[in-house]
Amino acid sequence: MKKAVLLFLLLLFVPFLAFAQTNINDDVIFKAEVIEILAEENHLSPDGKEIIQQHLKMRGLEGEFENKEIEFNGISDLEVINSQKYKKGDKVMMAASYGASKEVNFYIVDYARGKSLLFLGLAFFLTLIIIGRFKGLRSLIALAITFFVIIKYLIPQILAGANPIMVTFFSALVILAAIIYVTEGIKARAHLSALSILLSLIITIALSELFVSLARLTGAAGEEALFLFNIHGASIDLTGLLLAGIIIGVLGVLDDVVISQVATVEQLALANGSLSQKELFKKAYQVGISHIASMTNTLFLAYAGASLPLLILFGSGTSAFASWQQAINTELIATEIVRTLTGSIGLILAVPIATFIASLWYSKAQKN
């Protein structure tokens, strides 16, 4: 049974990790291998940075270009921001761009990273199963369900023009059920955790909607938003998409905090059946306070890490803004502030909510 589940997980994730020939607009993307360095030149940019340009002979590894030799001449007067130096045997992703007169121009998109990412995924799976054993296996099943819901339901529905908040909220309910009931089983702890997370999530959504509205955030601050206008003929609600991202981002952290808090109350009740609801709440809440400090910091660091290049740009003094006050009033930074603080408030409130619900239940259960 365990082998069957593992096979299912690998079959589910491998297609997304592996690279295959794809079409992006009129370009054909395919994997190729460097078989010879025909020429190489080093240039210095005005800021003193070394720029490496290469003329390469490639061999196609898939699709219509399989086993065909291709030349890529990267030596020109153009300066590139990210200069890569390739060596013989490197696997890369190439693009074949077809012009108006059917001529084909080839250029390198990036390294082919599918194999290394697949190895990393396998290492993650094995580590989780070896350390977490059967519960780790169940968490992988929950992860697969989460991945499936996002890829097969949430994203297609948003692309079809559905309300991102409603679609994400429904997806969050399915993901929540998968995370809790697959990993914890159908028991009182799971029911209490699900109820606590649902209440905390509703509060987080309400806060996010309120402050996104007050801050007049549009969701169109990032460069990727430019590609979402009228994509596939559908008009995507970018503000709703911003809120949807906040919901998904905070769901996993809420799950960690709430389940730990409910489990703490349960163990305290089992250790001492004479504790009243008030005593259970007080003792478990002390544990929750420590959890709040670490988890809030974790949430902030996660968002800060994702925005680190932007923060460094502002901190360097070379951006277009004269002060941090000007910087935080830009939508890009304001969005991250709202995302972090609303998520953190929802996380903080989850502790007393989960502790109260669990202490109420277990104090009554101990008396019966």
Protein backbone atom coordinates (compact mmCIF):
# COMPACT_ATOMS: atom_id res chain seq x y z
CA MET A 1 0.00 0.00 0.00
CA LYS A 2 2.78 2.40 0.92
CA LYS A 3 4.60 1.67 -2.34
CA ALA A 4 1.42 2.35 -4.28
CA VAL A 5 0.96 5.71 -2.55
CA LEU A 6 4.59 6.65 -3.21
CA LEU A 7 4.20 5.77 -6.87
CA PHE A 8 1.07 7.92 -7.01
CA LEU A 9 2.92 10.89 -5.51
CA LEU A 10 5.82 10.57 -7.91
CA LEU A 11 3.51 10.31 -10.90
CA LEU A 12 1.68 13.40 -9.68
CA PHE A 13 4.71 15.60 -9.13
CA VAL A 14 7.21 14.44 -11.78
CA PRO A 15 5.32 15.96 -14.75
CA PHE A 16 5.58 19.37 -13.13
CA LEU A 17 9.25 18.96 -12.21
CA ALA A 18 10.44 17.57 -15.52
CA PHE A 19 11.02 19.77 -18.55
CA ALA A 20 9.42 18.99 -21.87
CA GLN A 21 9.11 20.75 -25.19
CA THR A 22 6.58 23.56 -24.84
CA ASN A 23 5.31 26.47 -26.87
CA ILE A 24 5.45 30.02 -25.55
CA ASN A 25 3.67 32.28 -28.01
CA ASP A 26 5.41 31.49 -31.34
CA ASP A 27 8.62 30.16 -29.77
CA VAL A 28 9.38 26.48 -29.26
CA ILE A 29 11.22 25.70 -26.02
CA PHE A 30 13.30 22.52 -25.95
CA LYS A 31 16.22 20.95 -24.11
CA ALA A 32 19.68 20.95 -25.70
CA GLU A 33 23.27 20.07 -24.81
CA VAL A 34 26.45 22.08 -25.34
CA ILE A 35 28.76 19.92 -27.47
CA GLU A 36 31.46 22.47 -28.42
CA ILE A 37 32.67 25.97 -27.49
CA LEU A 38 33.36 27.57 -30.89
CA ALA A 39 34.48 30.96 -29.56
CA GLU A 40 34.50 32.93 -26.34
CA GLU A 41 35.07 36.63 -25.60
CA ASN A 42 35.33 38.58 -22.36
CA HIS A 43 34.17 42.20 -22.17
CA LEU A 44 34.11 44.76 -19.41
CA SER A 45 30.94 46.73 -18.83
CA PRO A 46 31.12 50.45 -17.91
CA ASP A 47 30.74 49.52 -14.23
CA GLY A 48 33.73 47.15 -14.43
CA LYS A 49 31.74 43.90 -14.44
CA GLU A 50 33.09 41.09 -16.64
CA ILE A 51 30.71 39.96 -19.39
CA ILE A 52 31.28 36.57 -21.00
CA GLN A 53 29.95 35.94 -24.51
CA GLN A 54 30.13 32.57 -26.26
CA HIS A 55 29.57 31.05 -29.66
CA LEU A 56 28.30 27.51 -29.02
CA LYS A 57 27.47 24.38 -30.95
CA MET A 58 24.44 22.63 -29.46
CA ARG A 59 22.63 19.34 -29.99
CA GLY A 60 18.87 19.17 -29.54
CA LEU A 61 17.69 16.55 -27.06
CA GLU A 62 13.94 16.45 -27.66
CA GLY A 63 11.07 17.18 -30.01
CA GLU A 64 11.60 18.26 -33.60
CA PHE A 65 15.19 19.31 -32.83
CA GLU A 66 16.30 15.99 -31.32
CA ASN A 67 19.83 15.01 -32.44
CA LYS A 68 20.05 18.11 -34.66
CA GLU A 69 23.14 20.32 -34.39
CA ILE A 70 22.42 24.00 -33.72
CA GLU A 71 24.71 27.00 -33.51
CA PHE A 72 24.07 29.73 -30.99
CA ASN A 73 26.15 32.86 -31.53
CA GLY A 74 26.00 34.88 -28.33
CA ILE A 75 28.88 37.19 -29.28
CA SER A 76 27.52 40.65 -30.07
CA ASP A 77 27.59 44.29 -29.00
CA LEU A 78 24.56 43.77 -26.74
CA GLU A 79 25.10 43.78 -22.99
CA VAL A 80 23.20 41.27 -20.89
CA ILE A 81 22.43 41.56 -17.18
CA ASN A 82 22.93 37.87 -16.40
CA SER A 83 25.98 36.54 -18.23
CA GLN A 84 26.37 32.75 -18.02
CA LYS A 85 29.47 30.78 -18.95
CA TYR A 86 28.56 27.40 -20.39
CA LYS A 87 30.86 24.42 -20.74
CA LYS A 88 30.77 21.26 -22.82
CA GLY A 89 28.11 18.86 -21.57
CA ASP A 90 25.88 21.49 -19.98
CA LYS A 91 22.16 20.93 -20.48
CA VAL A 92 20.19 24.08 -21.29
CA MET A 93 16.72 25.15 -22.36
CA MET A 94 16.73 26.70 -25.83
CA ALA A 95 14.11 28.67 -27.74
CA ALA A 96 13.51 28.45 -31.46
CA SER A 97 11.98 31.74 -32.59
CA TYR A 98 10.32 31.75 -35.98
CA GLY A 99 10.41 35.01 -37.94
CA ALA A 100 7.92 36.35 -40.48
CA SER A 101 9.82 34.76 -43.38
CA LYS A 102 10.01 31.40 -41.52
CA GLU A 103 13.68 31.80 -40.61
CA VAL A 104 14.60 30.30 -37.25
CA ASN A 105 16.66 32.08 -34.59
CA PHE A 106 17.94 30.11 -31.63
CA TYR A 107 18.81 31.47 -28.21
CA ILE A 108 19.47 30.02 -24.77
CA VAL A 109 16.76 30.58 -22.20
CA ASP A 110 18.50 29.16 -19.11
CA TYR A 111 20.04 26.04 -17.63
CA ALA A 112 17.91 22.88 -17.66
CA ARG A 113 17.29 22.32 -13.96
CA GLY A 114 14.69 19.56 -14.14
CA LYS A 115 17.00 16.73 -13.04
CA SER A 116 18.43 18.60 -10.04
CA LEU A 117 14.95 19.67 -8.93
CA LEU A 118 13.72 16.10 -9.30
CA PHE A 119 16.59 14.85 -7.11
CA LEU A 120 15.76 17.50 -4.52
CA GLY A 121 12.10 16.46 -4.58
CA LEU A 122 13.06 12.80 -4.09
CA ALA A 123 15.39 13.77 -1.22
CA PHE A 124 12.50 15.66 0.39
CA PHE A 125 10.14 12.71 -0.01
CA LEU A 126 12.64 10.19 1.40
CA THR A 127 13.62 12.41 4.34
CA LEU A 128 9.99 13.00 5.28
CA ILE A 129 9.11 9.30 5.06
CA ILE A 130 12.21 8.08 6.94
CA ILE A 131 11.86 10.63 9.76
CA GLY A 132 8.09 11.08 9.80
CA ARG A 133 7.28 7.44 8.95
CA PHE A 134 3.57 6.78 8.35
CA LYS A 135 2.55 10.28 9.43
CA GLY A 136 5.11 11.71 7.03
CA LEU A 137 3.58 9.60 4.28
CA ARG A 138 0.13 10.96 5.12
CA SER A 139 1.48 14.50 5.00
CA LEU A 140 2.77 13.79 1.49
CA ILE A 141 -0.71 12.69 0.46
CA ALA A 142 -2.12 15.93 1.91
CA LEU A 143 0.58 17.87 0.03
CA ALA A 144 -0.35 16.11 -3.22
CA ILE A 145 -4.03 16.99 -2.70
CA THR A 146 -3.08 20.61 -1.99
CA PHE A 147 -0.95 20.76 -5.13
CA PHE A 148 -3.74 19.18 -7.18
CA VAL A 149 -6.38 21.63 -5.90
CA ILE A 150 -4.21 24.66 -6.70
CA ILE A 151 -3.11 23.46 -10.16
CA LYS A 152 -6.32 21.80 -11.34
CA TYR A 153 -8.98 23.98 -9.71
CA LEU A 154 -7.80 27.29 -8.27
CA ILE A 155 -5.63 28.48 -11.17
CA PRO A 156 -8.01 27.38 -13.99
CA GLN A 157 -10.97 29.01 -12.22
CA ILE A 158 -9.13 32.31 -11.78
CA LEU A 159 -7.99 32.19 -15.43
CA ALA A 160 -11.62 31.66 -16.43
CA GLY A 161 -12.52 34.96 -14.72
CA ALA A 162 -14.06 33.60 -11.51
CA ASN A 163 -13.94 35.64 -8.29
CA PRO A 164 -10.44 34.93 -6.87
CA ILE A 165 -11.56 35.33 -3.24
CA MET A 166 -14.46 32.89 -3.48
CA VAL A 167 -12.43 30.37 -5.48
CA THR A 168 -9.50 30.60 -3.05
CA PHE A 169 -11.76 30.34 0.00
CA PHE A 170 -13.36 27.17 -1.37
CA SER A 171 -9.91 25.81 -2.27
CA ALA A 172 -8.69 26.67 1.24
CA LEU A 173 -11.54 24.61 2.74
CA VAL A 174 -10.58 21.58 0.65
CA ILE A 175 -6.88 22.05 1.43
CA LEU A 176 -7.71 22.51 5.12
CA ALA A 177 -9.69 19.28 5.18
CA ALA A 178 -6.87 17.44 3.39
CA ILE A 179 -4.15 18.77 5.69
CA ILE A 180 -6.00 18.04 8.91
CA TYR A 181 -8.00 14.89 8.29
CA VAL A 182 -5.39 13.07 6.20
CA THR A 183 -2.55 13.78 8.63
CA GLU A 184 -4.48 13.69 11.94
CA GLY A 185 -7.28 11.27 11.12
CA ILE A 186 -10.97 11.67 11.94
CA LYS A 187 -10.90 12.50 15.63
CA ALA A 188 -11.76 15.27 18.07
CA ARG A 189 -8.37 16.97 17.67
CA ALA A 190 -8.90 17.24 13.92
CA HIS A 191 -12.43 18.65 14.28
CA LEU A 192 -11.33 21.25 16.81
CA SER A 193 -8.34 22.26 14.67
CA ALA A 194 -10.48 22.60 11.54
CA LEU A 195 -13.01 24.82 13.34
CA SER A 196 -10.28 26.99 14.86
CA ILE A 197 -8.45 27.44 11.55
CA LEU A 198 -11.70 28.25 9.74
CA LEU A 199 -12.59 30.99 12.24
CA SER A 200 -9.04 32.41 12.15
CA LEU A 201 -9.04 32.33 8.35
CA ILE A 202 -12.34 34.22 8.15
CA ILE A 203 -10.95 36.91 10.46
CA THR A 204 -7.77 37.14 8.34
CA ILE A 205 -9.79 37.48 5.14
CA ALA A 206 -11.94 40.22 6.67
CA LEU A 207 -8.87 42.12 7.89
CA SER A 208 -7.13 41.72 4.54
CA GLU A 209 -10.13 43.02 2.62
CA LEU A 210 -10.46 45.97 4.99
CA PHE A 211 -6.81 47.08 4.81
CA VAL A 212 -6.39 46.38 1.10
CA SER A 213 -9.35 48.72 0.63
CA LEU A 214 -8.08 51.34 3.11
CA ALA A 215 -4.60 51.30 1.56
CA ARG A 216 -6.18 51.43 -1.94
CA LEU A 217 -4.10 48.52 -3.19
CA THR A 218 -4.88 47.37 -6.73
CA GLY A 219 -2.75 44.22 -6.98
CA ALA A 220 -1.13 45.62 -10.13
CA ALA A 221 2.16 46.75 -8.56
CA GLY A 222 4.31 43.79 -9.58
CA GLU A 223 5.73 43.32 -13.07
CA GLU A 224 3.95 39.96 -13.40
CA ALA A 225 0.60 41.77 -13.18
CA LEU A 226 1.25 43.23 -16.65
CA PHE A 227 1.01 39.73 -18.11
CA LEU A 228 -2.33 39.06 -16.43
CA PHE A 229 -4.33 41.77 -18.15
CA ASN A 230 -6.87 40.08 -20.41
CA ILE A 231 -4.96 36.79 -20.32
CA HIS A 232 -6.69 34.04 -22.33
CA GLY A 233 -9.44 36.54 -23.06
CA ALA A 234 -10.50 36.71 -19.39
CA SER A 235 -10.36 39.78 -17.17
CA ILE A 236 -8.68 38.84 -13.88
CA ASP A 237 -9.56 40.73 -10.71
CA LEU A 238 -6.05 41.70 -9.55
CA THR A 239 -7.21 43.03 -6.17
CA GLY A 240 -9.03 39.77 -5.55
CA LEU A 241 -5.91 37.90 -6.68
CA LEU A 242 -3.88 39.82 -4.10
CA LEU A 243 -6.32 38.79 -1.36
CA ALA A 244 -6.26 35.20 -2.62
CA GLY A 245 -2.47 35.17 -2.27
CA ILE A 246 -2.75 36.36 1.33
CA ILE A 247 -5.26 33.58 2.12
CA ILE A 248 -3.08 30.82 0.65
CA GLY A 249 0.07 32.24 2.26
CA VAL A 250 -1.35 32.32 5.78
CA LEU A 251 -3.21 28.98 5.62
CA GLY A 252 -0.14 26.79 6.10
CA VAL A 253 1.11 28.81 9.07
CA LEU A 254 -2.33 28.74 10.72
CA ASP A 255 -2.37 24.98 10.34
CA ASP A 256 0.92 24.63 12.22
CA VAL A 257 -0.03 26.94 15.08
CA VAL A 258 -3.57 25.66 15.60
CA ILE A 259 -2.85 21.93 15.51
CA SER A 260 0.04 22.40 17.95
CA GLN A 261 -2.17 24.42 20.28
CA VAL A 262 -5.05 21.93 20.23
CA ALA A 263 -2.60 19.05 20.80
CA THR A 264 -1.13 20.93 23.79
CA VAL A 265 -4.56 21.30 25.40
CA GLU A 266 -5.33 17.63 24.72
CA GLN A 267 -2.12 16.43 26.36
CA LEU A 268 -2.62 18.68 29.38
CA ALA A 269 -6.15 17.31 29.83
CA LEU A 270 -4.92 13.73 29.54
CA ALA A 271 -2.09 14.36 32.02
CA ASN A 272 -4.37 15.95 34.61
CA GLY A 273 -8.09 15.29 34.29
CA SER A 274 -8.92 17.54 37.23
CA LEU A 275 -7.95 20.75 35.43
CA SER A 276 -10.84 23.15 34.82
CA GLN A 277 -11.42 24.90 31.52
CA LYS A 278 -9.86 28.07 32.89
CA GLU A 279 -6.75 26.21 34.07
CA LEU A 280 -6.42 24.33 30.78
CA PHE A 281 -6.72 27.58 28.85
CA LYS A 282 -4.17 29.38 31.06
CA LYS A 283 -1.51 26.65 30.88
CA ALA A 284 -1.89 26.02 27.14
CA TYR A 285 -1.98 29.73 26.41
CA GLN A 286 1.48 30.15 27.92
CA VAL A 287 2.78 27.65 25.36
CA GLY A 288 0.89 29.52 22.64
CA ILE A 289 2.55 32.83 23.49
CA SER A 290 5.97 31.33 22.75
CA HIS A 291 4.59 29.88 19.53
CA ILE A 292 3.21 33.28 18.53
CA ALA A 293 6.63 34.93 18.81
CA SER A 294 8.39 32.34 16.66
CA MET A 295 5.64 31.94 14.04
CA THR A 296 5.06 35.68 13.57
CA ASN A 297 8.78 36.12 13.01
CA THR A 298 8.73 33.19 10.58
CA LEU A 299 5.91 34.76 8.56
CA PHE A 300 7.68 38.13 8.43
CA LEU A 301 10.99 36.57 7.39
CA ALA A 302 9.26 34.55 4.65
CA TYR A 303 7.81 37.71 3.10
CA ALA A 304 11.02 39.69 3.68
CA GLY A 305 13.05 36.95 2.00
CA ALA A 306 10.82 37.05 -1.07
CA SER A 307 11.20 40.85 -1.27
CA LEU A 308 14.88 41.01 -0.30
CA PRO A 309 16.22 42.37 -3.65
CA LEU A 310 13.66 45.18 -3.49
CA LEU A 311 14.52 45.97 0.15
CA ILE A 312 18.24 46.07 -0.70
CA LEU A 313 17.50 48.46 -3.58
CA PHE A 314 15.65 50.85 -1.27
CA GLY A 315 18.30 50.53 1.46
CA SER A 316 21.15 51.24 -0.95
CA GLY A 317 19.95 54.79 -1.60
CA THR A 318 20.11 54.25 -5.37
CA SER A 319 16.36 53.89 -5.84
CA ALA A 320 14.06 56.65 -7.03
CA PHE A 321 12.87 57.31 -3.48
CA ALA A 322 14.59 59.75 -1.16
CA SER A 323 13.36 58.20 2.08
CA TRP A 324 11.76 55.10 3.57
CA GLN A 325 8.60 57.12 4.06
CA GLN A 326 8.35 57.53 0.30
CA ALA A 327 9.22 53.87 -0.24
CA ILE A 328 6.50 52.46 2.01
CA ASN A 329 3.92 54.57 0.22
CA THR A 330 4.63 52.76 -3.04
CA GLU A 331 2.09 50.02 -3.72
CA LEU A 332 4.76 47.33 -4.04
CA ILE A 333 6.06 47.85 -0.49
CA ALA A 334 2.62 48.70 0.97
CA THR A 335 1.31 45.41 -0.41
CA GLU A 336 3.97 43.41 1.44
CA ILE A 337 3.29 45.35 4.65
CA VAL A 338 -0.45 44.63 4.46
CA ARG A 339 0.23 41.00 3.54
CA THR A 340 2.61 40.50 6.47
CA LEU A 341 0.65 42.33 9.17
CA THR A 342 -2.82 41.00 8.34
CA GLY A 343 -1.40 37.49 8.19
CA SER A 344 0.36 38.02 11.51
CA ILE A 345 -2.80 39.35 13.19
CA GLY A 346 -4.73 36.30 12.00
CA LEU A 347 -1.93 34.09 13.30
CA ILE A 348 -1.88 35.78 16.72
CA LEU A 349 -5.67 35.54 17.10
CA ALA A 350 -5.58 31.86 16.15
CA VAL A 351 -3.85 31.00 19.43
CA PRO A 352 -6.56 32.22 21.85
CA ILE A 353 -9.29 30.95 19.49
CA ALA A 354 -7.83 27.44 19.25
CA THR A 355 -6.95 27.35 22.96
CA PHE A 356 -10.45 28.42 24.02
CA ILE A 357 -12.26 25.95 21.75
CA ALA A 358 -9.97 23.06 22.72
CA SER A 359 -10.05 23.81 26.47
CA LEU A 360 -13.85 24.06 26.37
CA TRP A 361 -14.15 20.70 24.64
CA TYR A 362 -11.58 18.73 26.64
CA SER A 363 -12.70 20.09 30.02
CA LYS A 364 -16.22 18.85 29.29
CA ALA A 365 -14.95 15.59 27.82
CA GLN A 366 -12.96 14.86 30.98
CA LYS A 367 -16.08 15.26 33.13
CA ASN A 368 -18.13 12.80 31.04
